[in-house]
Amino acid sequence: MAPLTAKGYYEARPGDVVVRDDLFLLDVRHLADLEGDLGHIHQVHHLPLAELDALDLPKETPVVTVCGNGFESRKAAIALVEAGFTEVYHLVGGMIRWNAEERPVARVSTHRPAPRR
């Protein structure tokens, strides 16, 4: 599966994500970006990176962080590991890679808010 980094999160590719149905997909972009050119993964949960500390999930939940190009989601993955989450994945290349691999994308709202404290 995905390789573990020195920072404690896994580097997942789109193919790693689509074969598992137990992952909590978390898009950390601004809300407007979810319906922009890159779209979003169907039924992804949304919480902007700046509000990540409000995420209310059990620490053992397997979480995949997603953004446009992988930069912001990498920051989110590191923050979640530092917050004590035990199984964190960063989607390498973000939605740019997801689209390049022709994975299903929504450009109308199918996202939902992530649980907050």
N, C-alpha and C. Protein backbone atom coordinates (compact mmCIF):
# COMPACT_ATOMS: atom_id res chain seq x y z
N MET A 1 0.85 -1.19 0.00
CA MET A 1 0.00 0.00 0.00
C MET A 1 0.89 1.24 0.00
N ALA A 2 0.46 2.26 0.66
CA ALA A 2 1.13 3.55 0.67
C ALA A 2 2.34 3.52 1.61
N PRO A 3 3.46 4.14 1.18
CA PRO A 3 4.65 4.18 2.04
C PRO A 3 4.48 5.16 3.22
N LEU A 4 5.05 4.78 4.35
CA LEU A 4 5.04 5.62 5.55
C LEU A 4 6.20 6.61 5.47
N THR A 5 5.93 7.88 5.76
CA THR A 5 6.96 8.91 5.75
C THR A 5 7.60 9.05 7.13
N ALA A 6 8.70 9.77 7.18
CA ALA A 6 9.37 10.03 8.46
C ALA A 6 8.51 10.90 9.37
N LYS A 7 7.56 11.63 8.81
CA LYS A 7 6.66 12.50 9.59
C LYS A 7 5.50 11.71 10.19
N GLY A 8 5.35 10.42 9.82
CA GLY A 8 4.33 9.59 10.44
C GLY A 8 3.02 9.43 9.67
N TYR A 9 2.95 9.99 8.47
CA TYR A 9 1.76 9.80 7.64
C TYR A 9 2.14 8.96 6.42
N TYR A 10 1.13 8.43 5.76
CA TYR A 10 1.34 7.61 4.58
C TYR A 10 1.12 8.44 3.32
N GLU A 11 1.90 8.17 2.28
CA GLU A 11 1.72 8.84 0.99
C GLU A 11 0.87 7.95 0.10
N ALA A 12 -0.39 8.32 -0.06
CA ALA A 12 -1.35 7.52 -0.83
C ALA A 12 -1.49 8.07 -2.24
N ARG A 13 -1.68 7.16 -3.18
CA ARG A 13 -1.99 7.51 -4.56
C ARG A 13 -3.49 7.27 -4.75
N PRO A 14 -4.08 7.84 -5.79
CA PRO A 14 -5.51 7.59 -6.02
C PRO A 14 -5.86 6.11 -6.03
N GLY A 15 -5.03 5.28 -6.62
CA GLY A 15 -5.31 3.85 -6.64
C GLY A 15 -5.35 3.21 -5.26
N ASP A 16 -4.58 3.77 -4.31
CA ASP A 16 -4.60 3.28 -2.93
C ASP A 16 -5.92 3.62 -2.26
N VAL A 17 -6.46 4.77 -2.61
CA VAL A 17 -7.67 5.29 -1.96
C VAL A 17 -8.93 4.57 -2.46
N VAL A 18 -9.02 4.34 -3.75
CA VAL A 18 -10.27 3.80 -4.31
C VAL A 18 -10.50 2.34 -3.94
N VAL A 19 -9.49 1.63 -3.48
CA VAL A 19 -9.68 0.21 -3.14
C VAL A 19 -10.12 0.01 -1.69
N ARG A 20 -10.21 1.08 -0.92
CA ARG A 20 -10.64 0.96 0.48
C ARG A 20 -11.93 1.74 0.70
N ASP A 21 -12.84 1.12 1.43
CA ASP A 21 -14.11 1.81 1.71
C ASP A 21 -14.21 2.28 3.16
N ASP A 22 -13.12 2.15 3.91
CA ASP A 22 -13.14 2.52 5.32
C ASP A 22 -12.44 3.86 5.58
N LEU A 23 -12.04 4.56 4.54
CA LEU A 23 -11.29 5.80 4.69
C LEU A 23 -12.20 7.01 4.84
N PHE A 24 -11.83 7.91 5.72
CA PHE A 24 -12.53 9.19 5.88
C PHE A 24 -11.78 10.19 5.00
N LEU A 25 -12.40 10.60 3.89
CA LEU A 25 -11.77 11.53 2.95
C LEU A 25 -12.05 12.95 3.39
N LEU A 26 -10.98 13.72 3.59
CA LEU A 26 -11.09 15.07 4.12
C LEU A 26 -10.43 16.06 3.18
N ASP A 27 -11.22 16.89 2.54
CA ASP A 27 -10.71 17.93 1.65
C ASP A 27 -10.50 19.19 2.47
N VAL A 28 -9.28 19.74 2.43
CA VAL A 28 -8.92 20.87 3.29
C VAL A 28 -8.84 22.20 2.52
N ARG A 29 -9.34 22.21 1.28
CA ARG A 29 -9.33 23.45 0.49
C ARG A 29 -10.45 24.39 0.93
N HIS A 30 -10.42 25.60 0.39
CA HIS A 30 -11.53 26.54 0.60
C HIS A 30 -12.77 25.97 -0.07
N LEU A 31 -13.92 26.23 0.48
CA LEU A 31 -15.17 25.67 -0.01
C LEU A 31 -15.39 25.93 -1.51
N ALA A 32 -15.11 27.13 -1.97
CA ALA A 32 -15.32 27.46 -3.38
C ALA A 32 -14.49 26.58 -4.31
N ASP A 33 -13.32 26.13 -3.85
CA ASP A 33 -12.46 25.29 -4.67
C ASP A 33 -13.05 23.91 -4.93
N LEU A 34 -13.92 23.46 -4.06
CA LEU A 34 -14.51 22.13 -4.24
C LEU A 34 -15.41 22.05 -5.46
N GLU A 35 -15.94 23.18 -5.88
CA GLU A 35 -16.81 23.19 -7.05
C GLU A 35 -16.16 23.90 -8.23
N GLY A 36 -14.85 24.10 -8.15
CA GLY A 36 -14.10 24.75 -9.22
C GLY A 36 -13.67 23.76 -10.29
N ASP A 37 -12.67 24.13 -11.05
CA ASP A 37 -12.20 23.34 -12.19
C ASP A 37 -11.77 21.93 -11.81
N LEU A 38 -11.14 21.76 -10.66
CA LEU A 38 -10.66 20.43 -10.25
C LEU A 38 -11.75 19.58 -9.63
N GLY A 39 -12.82 20.21 -9.18
CA GLY A 39 -13.90 19.48 -8.54
C GLY A 39 -13.48 18.87 -7.22
N HIS A 40 -14.21 17.84 -6.80
CA HIS A 40 -13.90 17.16 -5.55
C HIS A 40 -14.29 15.69 -5.67
N ILE A 41 -13.77 14.89 -4.78
CA ILE A 41 -14.11 13.47 -4.74
C ILE A 41 -15.55 13.35 -4.22
N HIS A 42 -16.34 12.51 -4.85
CA HIS A 42 -17.74 12.33 -4.44
C HIS A 42 -17.83 12.02 -2.94
N GLN A 43 -18.72 12.72 -2.27
CA GLN A 43 -19.03 12.49 -0.86
C GLN A 43 -17.85 12.78 0.10
N VAL A 44 -16.87 13.54 -0.36
CA VAL A 44 -15.75 13.91 0.51
C VAL A 44 -16.27 14.79 1.65
N HIS A 45 -15.59 14.74 2.78
CA HIS A 45 -15.90 15.64 3.89
C HIS A 45 -15.03 16.89 3.72
N HIS A 46 -15.55 18.01 4.16
CA HIS A 46 -14.84 19.27 3.99
C HIS A 46 -14.58 19.95 5.32
N LEU A 47 -13.35 20.39 5.49
CA LEU A 47 -12.95 21.24 6.61
C LEU A 47 -11.70 21.98 6.18
N PRO A 48 -11.74 23.30 6.08
CA PRO A 48 -10.56 24.05 5.64
C PRO A 48 -9.36 23.80 6.56
N LEU A 49 -8.19 23.83 5.97
CA LEU A 49 -6.96 23.60 6.72
C LEU A 49 -6.88 24.50 7.96
N ALA A 50 -7.27 25.76 7.82
CA ALA A 50 -7.20 26.71 8.94
C ALA A 50 -8.09 26.32 10.11
N GLU A 51 -9.06 25.42 9.89
CA GLU A 51 -9.98 25.00 10.94
C GLU A 51 -9.77 23.55 11.35
N LEU A 52 -8.66 22.97 10.95
CA LEU A 52 -8.43 21.54 11.17
C LEU A 52 -8.48 21.13 12.63
N ASP A 53 -8.10 22.03 13.53
CA ASP A 53 -8.11 21.69 14.96
C ASP A 53 -9.53 21.45 15.50
N ALA A 54 -10.56 21.81 14.72
CA ALA A 54 -11.94 21.58 15.14
C ALA A 54 -12.46 20.19 14.74
N LEU A 55 -11.66 19.41 14.01
CA LEU A 55 -12.11 18.10 13.55
C LEU A 55 -12.43 17.20 14.74
N ASP A 56 -13.60 16.60 14.69
CA ASP A 56 -14.06 15.75 15.78
C ASP A 56 -14.26 14.32 15.28
N LEU A 57 -13.19 13.55 15.34
CA LEU A 57 -13.20 12.14 14.93
C LEU A 57 -12.40 11.33 15.93
N PRO A 58 -12.73 10.05 16.09
CA PRO A 58 -11.87 9.19 16.90
C PRO A 58 -10.47 9.15 16.29
N LYS A 59 -9.45 9.16 17.11
CA LYS A 59 -8.06 9.23 16.65
C LYS A 59 -7.65 8.02 15.81
N GLU A 60 -8.37 6.91 15.93
CA GLU A 60 -8.02 5.71 15.16
C GLU A 60 -8.69 5.68 13.78
N THR A 61 -9.49 6.70 13.45
CA THR A 61 -10.14 6.78 12.15
C THR A 61 -9.08 6.94 11.06
N PRO A 62 -9.10 6.10 10.03
CA PRO A 62 -8.16 6.29 8.92
C PRO A 62 -8.60 7.48 8.07
N VAL A 63 -7.77 8.52 8.02
CA VAL A 63 -8.10 9.78 7.35
C VAL A 63 -7.18 9.99 6.16
N VAL A 64 -7.78 10.38 5.02
CA VAL A 64 -7.01 10.78 3.84
C VAL A 64 -7.22 12.27 3.65
N THR A 65 -6.14 13.04 3.66
CA THR A 65 -6.24 14.47 3.43
C THR A 65 -6.07 14.76 1.94
N VAL A 66 -6.90 15.70 1.45
CA VAL A 66 -6.96 16.01 0.03
C VAL A 66 -6.93 17.53 -0.15
N CYS A 67 -6.24 18.00 -1.19
CA CYS A 67 -6.30 19.40 -1.59
C CYS A 67 -6.13 19.47 -3.10
N GLY A 68 -5.79 20.62 -3.62
CA GLY A 68 -5.66 20.78 -5.06
C GLY A 68 -4.44 20.10 -5.64
N ASN A 69 -3.27 20.35 -5.03
CA ASN A 69 -2.02 19.84 -5.59
C ASN A 69 -1.20 18.99 -4.63
N GLY A 70 -1.66 18.81 -3.42
CA GLY A 70 -0.96 18.01 -2.43
C GLY A 70 -0.21 18.80 -1.38
N PHE A 71 -0.04 20.10 -1.60
CA PHE A 71 0.74 20.91 -0.66
C PHE A 71 0.00 21.12 0.66
N GLU A 72 -1.24 21.59 0.59
CA GLU A 72 -2.03 21.84 1.80
C GLU A 72 -2.40 20.54 2.51
N SER A 73 -2.68 19.50 1.74
CA SER A 73 -3.06 18.23 2.37
C SER A 73 -1.88 17.60 3.10
N ARG A 74 -0.66 17.86 2.64
CA ARG A 74 0.52 17.38 3.36
C ARG A 74 0.61 18.08 4.73
N LYS A 75 0.37 19.39 4.75
CA LYS A 75 0.35 20.13 6.01
C LYS A 75 -0.72 19.56 6.95
N ALA A 76 -1.89 19.26 6.39
CA ALA A 76 -2.99 18.71 7.18
C ALA A 76 -2.62 17.34 7.74
N ALA A 77 -1.98 16.51 6.93
CA ALA A 77 -1.57 15.17 7.39
C ALA A 77 -0.61 15.27 8.56
N ILE A 78 0.36 16.16 8.45
CA ILE A 78 1.33 16.35 9.54
C ILE A 78 0.61 16.82 10.81
N ALA A 79 -0.31 17.77 10.66
CA ALA A 79 -1.06 18.28 11.82
C ALA A 79 -1.89 17.18 12.48
N LEU A 80 -2.51 16.33 11.68
CA LEU A 80 -3.32 15.25 12.25
C LEU A 80 -2.46 14.23 12.98
N VAL A 81 -1.30 13.89 12.43
CA VAL A 81 -0.38 12.99 13.12
C VAL A 81 0.05 13.62 14.45
N GLU A 82 0.40 14.89 14.42
CA GLU A 82 0.81 15.59 15.64
C GLU A 82 -0.32 15.66 16.66
N ALA A 83 -1.58 15.64 16.19
CA ALA A 83 -2.74 15.68 17.08
C ALA A 83 -3.09 14.29 17.62
N GLY A 84 -2.35 13.27 17.18
CA GLY A 84 -2.56 11.94 17.73
C GLY A 84 -3.33 10.97 16.86
N PHE A 85 -3.68 11.36 15.63
CA PHE A 85 -4.34 10.42 14.73
C PHE A 85 -3.34 9.34 14.34
N THR A 86 -3.80 8.10 14.30
CA THR A 86 -2.88 6.96 14.16
C THR A 86 -2.77 6.42 12.74
N GLU A 87 -3.69 6.77 11.86
CA GLU A 87 -3.63 6.28 10.47
C GLU A 87 -4.02 7.43 9.54
N VAL A 88 -3.01 8.17 9.09
CA VAL A 88 -3.24 9.36 8.28
C VAL A 88 -2.56 9.17 6.92
N TYR A 89 -3.30 9.49 5.87
CA TYR A 89 -2.81 9.41 4.50
C TYR A 89 -2.91 10.79 3.86
N HIS A 90 -1.91 11.10 3.07
CA HIS A 90 -1.88 12.34 2.29
C HIS A 90 -2.01 11.93 0.83
N LEU A 91 -2.99 12.48 0.11
CA LEU A 91 -3.18 12.15 -1.30
C LEU A 91 -2.13 12.90 -2.12
N VAL A 92 -1.10 12.18 -2.53
CA VAL A 92 0.01 12.76 -3.28
C VAL A 92 -0.51 13.33 -4.61
N GLY A 93 -0.22 14.59 -4.86
CA GLY A 93 -0.65 15.23 -6.10
C GLY A 93 -2.05 15.80 -6.05
N GLY A 94 -2.78 15.53 -4.98
CA GLY A 94 -4.11 16.09 -4.77
C GLY A 94 -5.07 15.85 -5.91
N MET A 95 -5.97 16.79 -6.09
CA MET A 95 -7.00 16.67 -7.12
C MET A 95 -6.43 16.79 -8.53
N ILE A 96 -5.26 17.42 -8.67
CA ILE A 96 -4.62 17.46 -9.99
C ILE A 96 -4.30 16.04 -10.43
N ARG A 97 -3.69 15.27 -9.55
CA ARG A 97 -3.38 13.88 -9.90
C ARG A 97 -4.64 13.04 -10.05
N TRP A 98 -5.60 13.23 -9.14
CA TRP A 98 -6.88 12.49 -9.20
C TRP A 98 -7.51 12.68 -10.58
N ASN A 99 -7.55 13.91 -11.04
CA ASN A 99 -8.11 14.21 -12.37
C ASN A 99 -7.25 13.62 -13.48
N ALA A 100 -5.93 13.72 -13.36
CA ALA A 100 -5.04 13.20 -14.39
C ALA A 100 -5.21 11.69 -14.57
N GLU A 101 -5.55 11.01 -13.48
CA GLU A 101 -5.79 9.56 -13.55
C GLU A 101 -7.23 9.23 -13.93
N GLU A 102 -7.99 10.28 -14.25
CA GLU A 102 -9.38 10.14 -14.69
C GLU A 102 -10.26 9.41 -13.68
N ARG A 103 -10.07 9.74 -12.41
CA ARG A 103 -10.92 9.21 -11.34
C ARG A 103 -12.22 10.02 -11.31
N PRO A 104 -13.30 9.47 -10.77
CA PRO A 104 -14.57 10.21 -10.72
C PRO A 104 -14.45 11.51 -9.93
N VAL A 105 -15.02 12.56 -10.47
CA VAL A 105 -14.96 13.89 -9.87
C VAL A 105 -16.36 14.51 -9.88
N ALA A 106 -16.68 15.23 -8.82
CA ALA A 106 -17.93 16.00 -8.76
C ALA A 106 -17.59 17.47 -8.88
N ARG A 107 -18.36 18.19 -9.65
CA ARG A 107 -18.18 19.64 -9.77
C ARG A 107 -19.41 20.40 -9.27
N VAL A 108 -20.39 19.64 -8.82
CA VAL A 108 -21.54 20.20 -8.10
C VAL A 108 -21.45 19.62 -6.69
N SER A 109 -22.12 20.20 -5.77
CA SER A 109 -21.96 19.85 -4.36
C SER A 109 -22.41 18.42 -4.02
N THR A 110 -21.43 17.55 -3.75
CA THR A 110 -21.72 16.25 -3.14
C THR A 110 -20.94 16.13 -1.83
N HIS A 111 -20.15 17.16 -1.53
CA HIS A 111 -19.35 17.14 -0.29
C HIS A 111 -20.25 17.40 0.90
N ARG A 112 -19.72 17.09 2.06
CA ARG A 112 -20.47 17.34 3.31
C ARG A 112 -19.50 17.86 4.36
N PRO A 113 -19.99 18.59 5.32
CA PRO A 113 -19.10 19.13 6.33
C PRO A 113 -18.52 18.01 7.21
N ALA A 114 -17.27 18.17 7.59
CA ALA A 114 -16.64 17.24 8.51
C ALA A 114 -17.19 17.50 9.92
N PRO A 115 -17.25 16.46 10.76
CA PRO A 115 -17.72 16.68 12.13
C PRO A 115 -16.79 17.62 12.90
N ARG A 116 -17.39 18.53 13.63
CA ARG A 116 -16.61 19.53 14.40
C ARG A 116 -16.91 19.41 15.89
N ARG A 117 -15.92 19.85 16.64
CA ARG A 117 -16.12 19.92 18.11
C ARG A 117 -16.94 21.13 18.44
